[in-house]
Amino acid sequence: MRPELNPGRYVFTTAEGGVPSGVSPVVTVAEQEGLTLVVPQADADAAGMAYDHVAGWITLRVHSALDAVGLTAAVARALADAGLSCNVVAGFHHDHLFVPYEQAEQAVEVLRRLAAAER
């Protein structure tokens, strides 16, 4: 699984009319209610964008098939058992987890233990 904590603090926010100038999203999701963005906290602050959750961004450095069964469930269960919330985004090459910023290092350790147990 090789979980890797990316540097920085990230927030979920929304934007109407597209991505604001100076904002570099790491994730975008087009929803009926508007465009959801996951952006560096500094970008959101500079653009005056509202948010209520600051996250750490963990990338699972294993290439998993998009139709693989069980990886997200196993990860979510391990983190939930440790009392950690998690928002998962599947990219083409990797899965990305957004966990509470203050608990990001703890989440990486939980995932490392899960990976070791799966061997």
Protein backbone atom coordinates (compact mmCIF):
# COMPACT_ATOMS: atom_id res chain seq x y z
CA MET A 1 0.00 0.00 0.00
CA ARG A 2 2.96 2.31 0.78
CA PRO A 3 1.06 5.27 2.32
CA GLU A 4 2.84 8.58 1.81
CA LEU A 5 1.87 11.80 3.58
CA ASN A 6 2.04 14.74 1.20
CA PRO A 7 3.27 18.00 2.70
CA GLY A 8 0.78 20.73 3.52
CA ARG A 9 -2.71 21.35 4.77
CA TYR A 10 -5.72 20.84 2.48
CA VAL A 11 -9.35 21.95 2.63
CA PHE A 12 -12.61 21.06 0.91
CA THR A 13 -14.43 24.07 -0.46
CA THR A 14 -16.81 25.02 -3.26
CA ALA A 15 -16.69 27.50 -6.09
CA GLU A 16 -19.29 28.91 -8.42
CA GLY A 17 -18.23 29.79 -11.93
CA GLY A 18 -15.02 27.77 -12.01
CA VAL A 19 -11.74 27.69 -10.16
CA PRO A 20 -10.77 31.12 -8.80
CA SER A 21 -7.55 32.70 -10.01
CA GLY A 22 -4.55 31.69 -7.90
CA VAL A 23 -6.20 28.51 -6.62
CA SER A 24 -4.57 25.19 -7.56
CA PRO A 25 -6.93 22.31 -6.76
CA VAL A 26 -5.60 18.81 -6.21
CA VAL A 27 -9.13 17.41 -6.66
CA THR A 28 -12.24 18.74 -8.39
CA VAL A 29 -15.69 17.20 -8.34
CA ALA A 30 -18.56 18.65 -10.37
CA GLU A 31 -21.74 18.33 -8.33
CA GLN A 32 -25.23 19.60 -9.01
CA GLU A 33 -24.82 22.10 -6.16
CA GLY A 34 -21.51 23.47 -7.43
CA LEU A 35 -17.86 22.66 -8.00
CA THR A 36 -16.15 20.99 -5.04
CA LEU A 37 -12.44 21.72 -4.76
CA VAL A 38 -9.76 20.23 -2.55
CA VAL A 39 -7.07 22.89 -2.38
CA PRO A 40 -4.09 23.87 -0.29
CA GLN A 41 -5.36 25.78 2.73
CA ALA A 42 -3.15 28.75 1.82
CA ASP A 43 -4.86 29.01 -1.59
CA ALA A 44 -8.32 28.97 0.00
CA ASP A 45 -7.30 31.58 2.55
CA ALA A 46 -5.80 33.87 -0.11
CA ALA A 47 -8.95 33.59 -2.24
CA GLY A 48 -11.30 34.09 0.74
CA MET A 49 -12.89 30.68 0.27
CA ALA A 50 -14.89 29.18 3.14
CA TYR A 51 -14.08 25.76 4.60
CA ASP A 52 -14.59 23.97 7.88
CA HIS A 53 -12.19 21.01 7.82
CA VAL A 54 -8.40 20.97 7.44
CA ALA A 55 -6.96 17.70 6.19
CA GLY A 56 -3.70 15.93 5.60
CA TRP A 57 -3.36 14.24 2.20
CA ILE A 58 -2.12 10.64 2.08
CA THR A 59 -1.38 8.94 -1.22
CA LEU A 60 -1.39 5.14 -1.37
CA ARG A 61 1.63 4.51 -3.58
CA VAL A 62 0.38 1.21 -4.94
CA HIS A 63 -1.25 1.09 -8.35
CA SER A 64 -4.67 -0.40 -7.70
CA ALA A 65 -7.18 -1.29 -10.37
CA LEU A 66 -10.25 0.90 -10.44
CA ASP A 67 -12.41 -2.22 -10.28
CA ALA A 68 -10.50 -3.82 -7.40
CA VAL A 69 -12.77 -5.01 -4.60
CA GLY A 70 -12.12 -4.30 -0.94
CA LEU A 71 -9.16 -1.89 -0.75
CA THR A 72 -11.25 1.17 0.13
CA ALA A 73 -13.30 -0.85 2.61
CA ALA A 74 -10.18 -2.23 4.34
CA VAL A 75 -8.60 1.21 4.57
CA ALA A 76 -11.79 2.85 5.82
CA ARG A 77 -12.31 0.11 8.42
CA ALA A 78 -8.75 0.35 9.76
CA LEU A 79 -8.98 4.14 10.05
CA ALA A 80 -12.48 4.00 11.56
CA ASP A 81 -11.31 1.45 14.13
CA ALA A 82 -8.62 3.98 15.09
CA GLY A 83 -11.25 6.72 15.41
CA LEU A 84 -10.10 8.58 12.28
CA SER A 85 -12.36 10.06 9.64
CA CYS A 86 -11.32 9.71 6.01
CA ASN A 87 -12.42 11.04 2.64
CA VAL A 88 -11.22 8.87 -0.25
CA VAL A 89 -10.61 9.97 -3.83
CA ALA A 90 -9.63 7.42 -6.45
CA GLY A 91 -7.26 8.67 -9.11
CA PHE A 92 -6.31 6.72 -12.21
CA HIS A 93 -2.99 5.62 -10.67
CA HIS A 94 -3.48 5.89 -6.91
CA ASP A 95 -6.01 6.28 -4.13
CA HIS A 96 -5.83 9.48 -2.09
CA LEU A 97 -7.02 9.87 1.47
CA PHE A 98 -7.85 13.10 3.24
CA VAL A 99 -7.73 12.69 7.02
CA PRO A 100 -7.85 15.22 9.87
CA TYR A 101 -4.61 17.20 9.62
CA GLU A 102 -3.72 16.80 13.30
CA GLN A 103 -4.04 13.01 12.99
CA ALA A 104 -2.37 12.50 9.60
CA GLU A 105 0.81 10.91 10.99
CA GLN A 106 -1.31 8.56 13.12
CA ALA A 107 -3.31 7.61 10.01
CA VAL A 108 -0.11 6.78 8.10
CA GLU A 109 0.97 4.48 10.93
CA VAL A 110 -2.42 2.74 10.96
CA LEU A 111 -2.12 2.17 7.21
CA ARG A 112 1.45 0.87 7.52
CA ARG A 113 0.29 -1.64 10.13
CA LEU A 114 -2.59 -2.69 7.86
CA ALA A 115 -0.21 -3.19 4.95
CA ALA A 116 2.19 -5.25 7.10
CA ALA A 117 -0.68 -7.45 8.30
CA GLU A 118 -1.79 -8.09 4.70
CA ARG A 119 1.59 -9.54 3.69
